[in-house]
């Protein structure tokens, strides 16, 4: 499960960087790479959302 969480964390970070670009520069990296309102863009957004849900488990994991 650790590998899945690491992959999920990387995708979540990518999503966070995209949101940062949106907030600071009004630039949507995902839409510019894959096109707006395409199937691939929706898949990327869906994967980032699922990864965010997976990473909720990190909140309750022991850091030790």
PDB file of N, CA and C in Angstrom:
ATOM      1  N   UNK A   1       0.820  -1.203   0.000  1.00  0.00           N
ATOM      2  CA  UNK A   1       0.000   0.000   0.000  1.00  0.00           C
ATOM      3  C   UNK A   1       0.860   1.260   0.000  1.00  0.00           C
ATOM      4  N   UNK A   2       2.068   1.161   0.488  1.00  0.00           N
ATOM      5  CA  UNK A   2       2.941   2.340   0.522  1.00  0.00           C
ATOM      6  C   UNK A   2       3.213   2.885  -0.882  1.00  0.00           C
ATOM      7  N   UNK A   3       3.403   1.996  -1.855  1.00  0.00           N
ATOM      8  CA  UNK A   3       3.673   2.434  -3.222  1.00  0.00           C
ATOM      9  C   UNK A   3       2.483   3.184  -3.793  1.00  0.00           C
ATOM     10  N   UNK A   4       1.291   2.671  -3.555  1.00  0.00           N
ATOM     11  CA  UNK A   4       0.079   3.345  -4.044  1.00  0.00           C
ATOM     12  C   UNK A   4      -0.050   4.718  -3.407  1.00  0.00           C
ATOM     13  N   UNK A   5       0.257   4.821  -2.110  1.00  0.00           N
ATOM     14  CA  UNK A   5       0.168   6.114  -1.441  1.00  0.00           C
ATOM     15  C   UNK A   5       1.200   7.096  -1.978  1.00  0.00           C
ATOM     16  N   UNK A   6       2.379   6.622  -2.320  1.00  0.00           N
ATOM     17  CA  UNK A   6       3.392   7.517  -2.885  1.00  0.00           C
ATOM     18  C   UNK A   6       2.987   8.015  -4.260  1.00  0.00           C
ATOM     19  N   UNK A   7       2.447   7.117  -5.075  1.00  0.00           N
ATOM     20  CA  UNK A   7       1.954   7.528  -6.397  1.00  0.00           C
ATOM     21  C   UNK A   7       0.813   8.525  -6.232  1.00  0.00           C
ATOM     22  N   UNK A   8      -0.078   8.242  -5.298  1.00  0.00           N
ATOM     23  CA  UNK A   8      -1.203   9.141  -5.035  1.00  0.00           C
ATOM     24  C   UNK A   8      -0.708  10.500  -4.552  1.00  0.00           C
ATOM     25  N   UNK A   9       0.338  10.486  -3.727  1.00  0.00           N
ATOM     26  CA  UNK A   9       0.884  11.749  -3.226  1.00  0.00           C
ATOM     27  C   UNK A   9       1.479  12.572  -4.358  1.00  0.00           C
ATOM     28  N   UNK A  10       2.175  11.936  -5.283  1.00  0.00           N
ATOM     29  CA  UNK A  10       2.749  12.647  -6.432  1.00  0.00           C
ATOM     30  C   UNK A  10       1.645  13.271  -7.279  1.00  0.00           C
ATOM     31  N   UNK A  11       0.591  12.513  -7.555  1.00  0.00           N
ATOM     32  CA  UNK A  11      -0.513  13.064  -8.350  1.00  0.00           C
ATOM     33  C   UNK A  11      -1.245  14.177  -7.608  1.00  0.00           C
ATOM     34  N   UNK A  12      -1.339  14.061  -6.292  1.00  0.00           N
ATOM     35  CA  UNK A  12      -1.963  15.116  -5.507  1.00  0.00           C
ATOM     36  C   UNK A  12      -1.123  16.387  -5.555  1.00  0.00           C
ATOM     37  N   UNK A  13       0.187  16.239  -5.500  1.00  0.00           N
ATOM     38  CA  UNK A  13       1.075  17.399  -5.603  1.00  0.00           C
ATOM     39  C   UNK A  13       0.945  18.056  -6.968  1.00  0.00           C
ATOM     40  N   UNK A  14       0.860  17.249  -8.014  1.00  0.00           N
ATOM     41  CA  UNK A  14       0.651  17.803  -9.358  1.00  0.00           C
ATOM     42  C   UNK A  14      -0.652  18.589  -9.413  1.00  0.00           C
ATOM     43  N   UNK A  15      -1.700  18.039  -8.803  1.00  0.00           N
ATOM     44  CA  UNK A  15      -2.981  18.747  -8.757  1.00  0.00           C
ATOM     45  C   UNK A  15      -2.881  20.045  -7.978  1.00  0.00           C
ATOM     46  N   UNK A  16      -2.132  20.023  -6.878  1.00  0.00           N
ATOM     47  CA  UNK A  16      -1.965  21.241  -6.079  1.00  0.00           C
ATOM     48  C   UNK A  16      -1.189  22.301  -6.854  1.00  0.00           C
ATOM     49  N   UNK A  17      -0.172  21.874  -7.591  1.00  0.00           N
ATOM     50  CA  UNK A  17       0.579  22.831  -8.413  1.00  0.00           C
ATOM     51  C   UNK A  17      -0.306  23.430  -9.496  1.00  0.00           C
ATOM     52  N   UNK A  18      -1.177  22.621 -10.073  1.00  0.00           N
ATOM     53  CA  UNK A  18      -2.112  23.139 -11.073  1.00  0.00           C
ATOM     54  C   UNK A  18      -3.046  24.181 -10.455  1.00  0.00           C
ATOM     55  N   UNK A  19      -3.535  23.903  -9.238  1.00  0.00           N
ATOM     56  CA  UNK A  19      -4.390  24.875  -8.559  1.00  0.00           C
ATOM     57  C   UNK A  19      -3.624  26.157  -8.234  1.00  0.00           C
ATOM     58  N   UNK A  20      -2.356  26.007  -7.862  1.00  0.00           N
ATOM     59  CA  UNK A  20      -1.529  27.191  -7.609  1.00  0.00           C
ATOM     60  C   UNK A  20      -1.360  28.037  -8.859  1.00  0.00           C
ATOM     61  N   UNK A  21      -1.117  27.376  -9.987  1.00  0.00           N
ATOM     62  CA  UNK A  21      -1.014  28.106 -11.250  1.00  0.00           C
ATOM     63  C   UNK A  21      -2.323  28.803 -11.594  1.00  0.00           C
ATOM     64  N   UNK A  22      -3.432  28.132 -11.304  1.00  0.00           N
ATOM     65  CA  UNK A  22      -4.742  28.738 -11.560  1.00  0.00           C
ATOM     66  C   UNK A  22      -4.938  29.978 -10.681  1.00  0.00           C
ATOM     67  N   UNK A  23      -4.576  29.851  -9.423  1.00  0.00           N
ATOM     68  CA  UNK A  23      -4.793  30.956  -8.492  1.00  0.00           C
ATOM     69  C   UNK A  23      -3.897  32.155  -8.747  1.00  0.00           C
ATOM     70  N   UNK A  24      -2.631  31.889  -9.028  1.00  0.00           N
ATOM     71  CA  UNK A  24      -1.679  32.987  -9.197  1.00  0.00           C
ATOM     72  C   UNK A  24      -1.669  33.578 -10.601  1.00  0.00           C
ATOM     73  N   UNK A  25      -1.795  32.733 -11.603  1.00  0.00           N
ATOM     74  CA  UNK A  25      -1.593  33.193 -12.975  1.00  0.00           C
ATOM     75  C   UNK A  25      -2.769  32.939 -13.909  1.00  0.00           C
ATOM     76  N   UNK A  26      -3.876  32.380 -13.388  1.00  0.00           N
ATOM     77  CA  UNK A  26      -5.033  32.025 -14.204  1.00  0.00           C
ATOM     78  C   UNK A  26      -4.614  31.154 -15.386  1.00  0.00           C
ATOM     79  N   UNK A  27      -3.713  30.205 -15.117  1.00  0.00           N
ATOM     80  CA  UNK A  27      -3.197  29.297 -16.139  1.00  0.00           C
ATOM     81  C   UNK A  27      -3.496  27.866 -15.723  1.00  0.00           C
ATOM     82  N   UNK A  28      -4.267  27.155 -16.540  1.00  0.00           N
ATOM     83  CA  UNK A  28      -4.619  25.772 -16.263  1.00  0.00           C
ATOM     84  C   UNK A  28      -3.692  24.862 -17.058  1.00  0.00           C
ATOM     85  N   UNK A  29      -2.717  24.280 -16.364  1.00  0.00           N
ATOM     86  CA  UNK A  29      -1.716  23.453 -17.018  1.00  0.00           C
ATOM     87  C   UNK A  29      -2.322  22.199 -17.633  1.00  0.00           C
ATOM     88  N   UNK A  30      -3.223  21.556 -16.935  1.00  0.00           N
ATOM     89  CA  UNK A  30      -3.828  20.317 -17.437  1.00  0.00           C
ATOM     90  C   UNK A  30      -4.621  20.598 -18.710  1.00  0.00           C
ATOM     91  N   UNK A  31      -5.418  21.638 -18.691  1.00  0.00           N
ATOM     92  CA  UNK A  31      -6.217  21.973 -19.874  1.00  0.00           C
ATOM     93  C   UNK A  31      -5.332  22.405 -21.041  1.00  0.00           C
ATOM     94  N   UNK A  32      -4.226  23.070 -20.740  1.00  0.00           N
ATOM     95  CA  UNK A  32      -3.355  23.489 -21.837  1.00  0.00           C
ATOM     96  C   UNK A  32      -2.587  22.309 -22.429  1.00  0.00           C
ATOM     97  N   UNK A  33      -2.292  21.300 -21.614  1.00  0.00           N
ATOM     98  CA  UNK A  33      -1.589  20.120 -22.129  1.00  0.00           C
ATOM     99  C   UNK A  33      -2.509  19.183 -22.901  1.00  0.00           C
ATOM    100  N   UNK A  34      -3.713  18.964 -22.386  1.00  0.00           N
ATOM    101  CA  UNK A  34      -4.603  17.953 -22.955  1.00  0.00           C
ATOM    102  C   UNK A  34      -5.835  18.525 -23.625  1.00  0.00           C
ATOM    103  N   UNK A  35      -6.034  19.824 -23.552  1.00  0.00           N
ATOM    104  CA  UNK A  35      -7.206  20.453 -24.139  1.00  0.00           C
ATOM    105  C   UNK A  35      -8.319  20.587 -23.114  1.00  0.00           C
ATOM    106  N   UNK A  36      -9.103  21.623 -23.266  1.00  0.00           N
ATOM    107  CA  UNK A  36     -10.213  21.856 -22.344  1.00  0.00           C
ATOM    108  C   UNK A  36     -11.367  20.927 -22.696  1.00  0.00           C
ATOM    109  N   UNK A  37     -12.017  20.400 -21.696  1.00  0.00           N
ATOM    110  CA  UNK A  37     -13.209  19.558 -21.856  1.00  0.00           C
ATOM    111  C   UNK A  37     -12.961  18.321 -22.728  1.00  0.00           C
ATOM    112  N   UNK A  38     -11.796  17.701 -22.561  1.00  0.00           N
ATOM    113  CA  UNK A  38     -11.537  16.448 -23.258  1.00  0.00           C
ATOM    114  C   UNK A  38     -11.635  15.296 -22.250  1.00  0.00           C
ATOM    115  N   UNK A  39     -11.733  14.103 -22.769  1.00  0.00           N
ATOM    116  CA  UNK A  39     -11.844  12.925 -21.916  1.00  0.00           C
ATOM    117  C   UNK A  39     -10.579  12.767 -21.066  1.00  0.00           C
ATOM    118  N   UNK A  40      -9.438  12.995 -21.681  1.00  0.00           N
ATOM    119  CA  UNK A  40      -8.172  12.826 -20.955  1.00  0.00           C
ATOM    120  C   UNK A  40      -8.063  13.824 -19.805  1.00  0.00           C
ATOM    121  N   UNK A  41      -8.529  15.042 -20.013  1.00  0.00           N
ATOM    122  CA  UNK A  41      -8.507  16.051 -18.951  1.00  0.00           C
ATOM    123  C   UNK A  41      -9.401  15.613 -17.800  1.00  0.00           C
ATOM    124  N   UNK A  42     -10.558  15.094 -18.106  1.00  0.00           N
ATOM    125  CA  UNK A  42     -11.463  14.608 -17.055  1.00  0.00           C
ATOM    126  C   UNK A  42     -10.856  13.431 -16.309  1.00  0.00           C
ATOM    127  N   UNK A  43     -10.136  12.567 -17.018  1.00  0.00           N
ATOM    128  CA  UNK A  43      -9.477  11.436 -16.368  1.00  0.00           C
ATOM    129  C   UNK A  43      -8.401  11.933 -15.409  1.00  0.00           C
ATOM    130  N   UNK A  44      -7.606  12.908 -15.850  1.00  0.00           N
ATOM    131  CA  UNK A  44      -6.554  13.459 -14.978  1.00  0.00           C
ATOM    132  C   UNK A  44      -7.175  14.072 -13.730  1.00  0.00           C
ATOM    133  N   UNK A  45      -8.226  14.880 -13.904  1.00  0.00           N
ATOM    134  CA  UNK A  45      -8.880  15.494 -12.745  1.00  0.00           C
ATOM    135  C   UNK A  45      -9.474  14.428 -11.824  1.00  0.00           C
ATOM    136  N   UNK A  46     -10.043  13.390 -12.399  1.00  0.00           N
ATOM    137  CA  UNK A  46     -10.619  12.309 -11.591  1.00  0.00           C
ATOM    138  C   UNK A  46      -9.540  11.570 -10.814  1.00  0.00           C
ATOM    139  N   UNK A  47      -8.422  11.280 -11.466  1.00  0.00           N
ATOM    140  CA  UNK A  47      -7.318  10.603 -10.784  1.00  0.00           C
ATOM    141  C   UNK A  47      -6.765  11.436  -9.637  1.00  0.00           C
ATOM    142  N   UNK A  48      -6.627  12.728  -9.854  1.00  0.00           N
ATOM    143  CA  UNK A  48      -6.132  13.615  -8.787  1.00  0.00           C
ATOM    144  C   UNK A  48      -7.118  13.620  -7.617  1.00  0.00           C
ATOM    145  N   UNK A  49      -8.404  13.643  -7.902  1.00  0.00           N
ATOM    146  CA  UNK A  49      -9.422  13.597  -6.842  1.00  0.00           C
ATOM    147  C   UNK A  49      -9.372  12.294  -6.062  1.00  0.00           C
ATOM    148  N   UNK A  50      -9.252  11.184  -6.765  1.00  0.00           N
ATOM    149  CA  UNK A  50      -9.148   9.880  -6.099  1.00  0.00           C
ATOM    150  C   UNK A  50      -7.883   9.820  -5.252  1.00  0.00           C
ATOM    151  N   UNK A  51      -6.798  10.350  -5.777  1.00  0.00           N
ATOM    152  CA  UNK A  51      -5.540  10.356  -5.023  1.00  0.00           C
ATOM    153  C   UNK A  51      -5.649  11.210  -3.767  1.00  0.00           C
ATOM    154  N   UNK A  52      -6.380  12.294  -3.840  1.00  0.00           N
ATOM    155  CA  UNK A  52      -6.609  13.097  -2.643  1.00  0.00           C
ATOM    156  C   UNK A  52      -7.351  12.308  -1.579  1.00  0.00           C
ATOM    157  N   UNK A  53      -8.321  11.514  -1.989  1.00  0.00           N
ATOM    158  CA  UNK A  53      -9.061  10.675  -1.041  1.00  0.00           C
ATOM    159  C   UNK A  53      -8.139   9.611  -0.444  1.00  0.00           C
ATOM    160  N   UNK A  54      -7.285   9.017  -1.268  1.00  0.00           N
ATOM    161  CA  UNK A  54      -6.337   8.023  -0.765  1.00  0.00           C
ATOM    162  C   UNK A  54      -5.396   8.643   0.262  1.00  0.00           C
ATOM    163  N   UNK A  55      -4.980   9.871   0.008  1.00  0.00           N
ATOM    164  CA  UNK A  55      -4.025  10.524   0.899  1.00  0.00           C
ATOM    165  C   UNK A  55      -4.634  10.981   2.215  1.00  0.00           C
ATOM    166  N   UNK A  56      -5.932  10.940   2.342  1.00  0.00           N
ATOM    167  CA  UNK A  56      -6.559  11.242   3.632  1.00  0.00           C
ATOM    168  C   UNK A  56      -6.036  10.267   4.689  1.00  0.00           C
ATOM    169  N   UNK A  57      -5.735   9.052   4.271  1.00  0.00           N
ATOM    170  CA  UNK A  57      -5.183   8.059   5.193  1.00  0.00           C
ATOM    171  C   UNK A  57      -3.860   8.485   5.799  1.00  0.00           C
ATOM    172  N   UNK A  58      -3.102   9.331   5.106  1.00  0.00           N
ATOM    173  CA  UNK A  58      -1.834   9.818   5.647  1.00  0.00           C
ATOM    174  C   UNK A  58      -2.038  10.678   6.894  1.00  0.00           C
ATOM    175  N   UNK A  59      -3.198  11.288   7.019  1.00  0.00           N
ATOM    176  CA  UNK A  59      -3.478  12.104   8.192  1.00  0.00           C
ATOM    177  C   UNK A  59      -3.532  11.269   9.474  1.00  0.00           C
ATOM    178  N   UNK A  60      -3.927  10.028   9.336  1.00  0.00           N
ATOM    179  CA  UNK A  60      -4.127   9.177  10.497  1.00  0.00           C
ATOM    180  C   UNK A  60      -2.996   8.164  10.696  1.00  0.00           C
ATOM    181  N   UNK A  61      -1.951   8.262   9.873  1.00  0.00           N
ATOM    182  CA  UNK A  61      -0.833   7.333   9.957  1.00  0.00           C
ATOM    183  C   UNK A  61       0.202   7.863  10.943  1.00  0.00           C
ATOM    184  N   UNK A  62       0.839   6.965  11.687  1.00  0.00           N
ATOM    185  CA  UNK A  62       1.890   7.350  12.610  1.00  0.00           C
ATOM    186  C   UNK A  62       3.102   7.830  11.843  1.00  0.00           C
ATOM    187  N   UNK A  63       3.693   8.929  12.261  1.00  0.00           N
ATOM    188  CA  UNK A  63       4.853   9.482  11.588  1.00  0.00           C
ATOM    189  C   UNK A  63       6.127   8.771  12.033  1.00  0.00           C
ATOM    190  N   UNK A  64       6.103   8.096  13.170  1.00  0.00           N
ATOM    191  CA  UNK A  64       7.307   7.432  13.703  1.00  0.00           C
ATOM    192  C   UNK A  64       7.956   6.602  12.707  1.00  0.00           C
TER     193      UNK A  64
END
